[in-house]
Structures are given as structure tokens and as C-alpha cells.
Amino acid sequence: SYFLPRLVGVSVASELILTGRFIQASRALAVGLVSEIVEEADLEKAAQAYVDDLLLTAPLALRLSKECLNMSVDAGSIEQVIAMEDRNQILCVKSEDFREGITAFLEKRKPNWA
């Protein structure tokens, strides 16, 4: 009852919680509860493609982006979110991940986030 209204809005959350109705995949996609629908036979392939995309991104940037996304849902103001984003930008720019990303770009190779 805490997260669902924030994800799909009060109207859809109320309908689902108060009626106990199951939600079809197409509706879950339409209301933003899921970001993609995949056939069961293609699930592993789709999951691997998603993971592969994540692995292309610097680990620190992923962690801090997730932190901002989670915090922004309950932030008291846009100023709080901007302050966190500013902090995270500074942390990223001063990180080894940033140096590796720039070096890899200049050397025309994939970054090694190890």
C-alpha cells in the first residue's frame, strides 16, 4: 500500500488493492507497473540482454542512479533531489570508474569495470 500508489497512481492502486483483481500483463505495461512484456520462452534471453546493458555502465554510476531514483519518490522537494544528483555527479567524476570510462573511450575499447 506504500509503493503501489507511487508506481501506478492512487486510482489503479486502489482498484488492485481493494478488489484483489489480478492484472494482465498488457495492463501492467500500460500503467507502468512493468517496462516490458516478454514471452516465457524468451525470458532468459531478454533478461540476459538487460543484464548486458547494465554491465556496459559504470558500477558506481548505476548504484548512485538507483539511489537517486529511489530517493526521488519521497523527496520533500525538487531541491533535495537536485542536491543529491549534484553530489552523485561529483562522486562519479572523482571515481576510478570515470577515469576508466574516459580512458576506454580515448583508446576506443570497452571499459573494464573490474
Protein backbone atom coordinates (compact mmCIF):
# COMPACT_ATOMS: atom_id res chain seq x y z
CA SER A 1 0.00 0.00 0.00
CA TYR A 2 3.01 2.30 0.26
CA PHE A 3 4.82 1.71 -3.02
CA LEU A 4 2.00 0.76 -5.38
CA PRO A 5 0.26 4.19 -5.46
CA ARG A 6 3.63 5.79 -6.12
CA LEU A 7 4.23 3.42 -9.02
CA VAL A 8 0.83 3.38 -10.72
CA GLY A 9 -1.18 6.18 -9.12
CA VAL A 10 -3.86 6.09 -6.46
CA SER A 11 -6.69 5.11 -8.81
CA VAL A 12 -5.08 1.96 -10.21
CA ALA A 13 -3.55 1.05 -6.84
CA SER A 14 -6.96 1.38 -5.17
CA GLU A 15 -8.59 -0.82 -7.78
CA LEU A 16 -5.97 -3.54 -7.41
CA ILE A 17 -5.75 -3.48 -3.62
CA LEU A 18 -9.46 -3.07 -2.84
CA THR A 19 -10.79 -5.57 -5.37
CA GLY A 20 -7.97 -8.11 -5.28
CA ARG A 21 -8.20 -8.39 -9.05
CA PHE A 22 -5.30 -9.84 -10.95
CA ILE A 23 -3.70 -7.57 -13.50
CA GLN A 24 -2.99 -8.71 -17.04
CA ALA A 25 0.48 -8.14 -18.47
CA SER A 26 -0.78 -5.68 -21.09
CA ARG A 27 -2.44 -3.52 -18.44
CA ALA A 28 0.60 -3.74 -16.16
CA LEU A 29 2.63 -2.37 -19.08
CA ALA A 30 0.08 0.37 -19.81
CA VAL A 31 0.05 1.66 -16.21
CA GLY A 32 3.82 1.50 -15.83
CA LEU A 33 3.99 -1.42 -13.41
CA VAL A 34 6.33 -3.26 -15.80
CA SER A 35 8.56 -1.87 -18.53
CA GLU A 36 8.41 -4.77 -20.97
CA ILE A 37 6.39 -7.89 -21.72
CA VAL A 38 8.34 -10.96 -22.80
CA GLU A 39 7.12 -14.38 -23.84
CA GLU A 40 8.10 -17.04 -21.31
CA ALA A 41 10.23 -18.83 -23.91
CA ASP A 42 12.22 -15.60 -24.47
CA LEU A 43 12.53 -14.63 -20.81
CA GLU A 44 16.11 -15.76 -20.26
CA LYS A 45 17.30 -14.13 -23.48
CA ALA A 46 15.55 -10.85 -22.59
CA ALA A 47 16.94 -10.91 -19.05
CA GLN A 48 20.45 -11.50 -20.37
CA ALA A 49 20.12 -8.59 -22.80
CA TYR A 50 19.03 -6.36 -19.89
CA VAL A 51 21.98 -7.51 -17.78
CA ASP A 52 24.36 -6.96 -20.69
CA ASP A 53 23.14 -3.36 -20.99
CA LEU A 54 23.68 -2.81 -17.26
CA LEU A 55 27.19 -4.25 -17.47
CA LEU A 56 28.14 -1.58 -20.02
CA THR A 57 27.53 1.10 -17.39
CA ALA A 58 29.96 2.07 -14.66
CA PRO A 59 29.00 0.32 -11.39
CA LEU A 60 29.21 3.47 -9.29
CA ALA A 61 27.01 5.38 -11.73
CA LEU A 62 24.44 2.56 -11.62
CA ARG A 63 24.41 2.49 -7.82
CA LEU A 64 24.10 6.26 -7.47
CA SER A 65 21.43 6.45 -10.18
CA LYS A 66 19.39 3.81 -8.36
CA GLU A 67 19.84 5.75 -5.12
CA CYS A 68 18.52 8.93 -6.77
CA LEU A 69 15.57 7.15 -8.35
CA ASN A 70 14.56 5.59 -5.05
CA MET A 71 15.02 8.82 -3.11
CA SER A 72 13.17 11.00 -5.61
CA VAL A 73 9.90 9.15 -4.99
CA ASP A 74 9.67 10.52 -1.45
CA ALA A 75 11.79 13.64 -1.72
CA GLY A 76 10.36 16.65 0.05
CA SER A 77 11.31 18.94 -2.80
CA ILE A 78 12.98 19.06 -6.17
CA GLU A 79 15.83 20.92 -4.47
CA GLN A 80 16.58 17.82 -2.37
CA VAL A 81 16.72 15.67 -5.48
CA ILE A 82 18.93 18.16 -7.32
CA ALA A 83 21.28 18.32 -4.31
CA MET A 84 21.61 14.53 -4.31
CA GLU A 85 22.17 14.48 -8.07
CA ASP A 86 24.85 17.18 -7.72
CA ARG A 87 26.56 15.15 -5.01
CA ASN A 88 26.41 11.99 -7.09
CA GLN A 89 27.81 13.77 -10.17
CA ILE A 90 30.80 14.88 -8.12
CA LEU A 91 31.32 11.38 -6.71
CA CYS A 92 31.20 9.90 -10.21
CA VAL A 93 33.61 12.42 -11.74
CA LYS A 94 36.14 11.76 -8.97
CA SER A 95 35.89 7.98 -9.29
CA GLU A 96 38.10 5.36 -10.85
CA ASP A 97 35.08 4.34 -12.94
CA PHE A 98 35.07 7.78 -14.55
CA ARG A 99 38.78 7.61 -15.32
CA GLU A 100 38.37 4.14 -16.80
CA GLY A 101 35.42 5.27 -18.92
CA ILE A 102 37.33 8.23 -20.36
CA THR A 103 40.46 6.13 -20.95
CA ALA A 104 38.46 3.39 -22.66
CA PHE A 105 36.73 5.94 -24.87
CA LEU A 106 40.03 7.55 -25.90
CA GLU A 107 41.58 4.12 -26.54
CA LYS A 108 38.47 3.05 -28.49
CA ARG A 109 37.83 -0.01 -26.32
CA LYS A 110 35.15 -1.20 -23.93
CA PRO A 111 35.72 -0.15 -20.33
CA ASN A 112 36.85 -2.70 -17.79
CA TRP A 113 34.79 -2.04 -14.68
CA ALA A 114 36.59 -4.69 -12.60
